[in-house]
Protein backbone atom coordinates (compact mmCIF):
# COMPACT_ATOMS: atom_id res chain seq x y z
CA MET A 1 79.27 185.62 -78.83
CA GLU A 2 82.16 185.95 -76.41
CA LEU A 3 85.97 186.51 -77.76
CA THR A 4 88.71 184.76 -76.53
CA TRP A 5 92.27 186.87 -76.65
CA PHE A 6 93.54 184.58 -79.19
CA ASP A 7 90.55 185.94 -81.41
CA LYS A 8 92.10 189.33 -81.52
CA ILE A 9 95.39 189.03 -82.63
CA PRO A 10 95.26 188.40 -86.36
CA ASN A 11 96.29 185.27 -88.25
CA VAL A 12 97.50 183.36 -85.30
CA LYS A 13 97.55 179.61 -84.29
CA LEU A 14 98.00 178.27 -81.64
CA PRO A 15 100.53 175.18 -80.68
CA ASN A 16 99.27 172.17 -79.20
CA LEU A 17 100.72 171.83 -75.69
CA GLU A 18 100.41 168.67 -74.32
CA ARG A 19 100.06 168.30 -69.90
CA ILE A 20 99.01 172.27 -69.64
CA GLY A 21 97.12 173.38 -67.15
CA HIS A 22 97.79 176.27 -64.46
CA GLU A 23 101.42 175.69 -65.47
CA ILE A 24 104.11 176.13 -68.37
CA HIS A 25 106.26 173.00 -68.16
CA ALA A 26 109.91 173.30 -69.07
CA ASP A 27 109.42 171.12 -72.15
CA ASP A 28 107.21 173.63 -73.78
CA TRP A 29 109.60 176.07 -73.70
CA GLN A 30 110.78 175.86 -77.45
CA THR A 31 107.31 175.71 -78.85
CA ILE A 32 105.89 178.54 -76.89
CA ILE A 33 108.78 180.14 -78.46
CA HIS A 34 108.94 178.98 -81.81
CA ALA A 35 105.29 179.74 -82.18
CA ILE A 36 106.21 183.43 -80.61
CA SER A 37 108.82 184.19 -83.56
CA ALA A 38 106.89 182.48 -86.26
CA HIS A 39 103.79 185.34 -85.76
CA PHE A 40 105.91 187.43 -85.36
CA LEU A 41 108.35 186.89 -87.79
CA LYS A 42 106.01 186.37 -90.90
CA GLU A 43 106.22 188.51 -93.66
């Protein structure tokens, strides 16, 4: 079984991004920033 990058990050939660493919849409940045902040600001 091959591990992906998110399998190596403890307690990671991946947001569901619609329309994602080979690019990140401007509408998705708030979701991405919130997910990163929530991960690193956990106590």
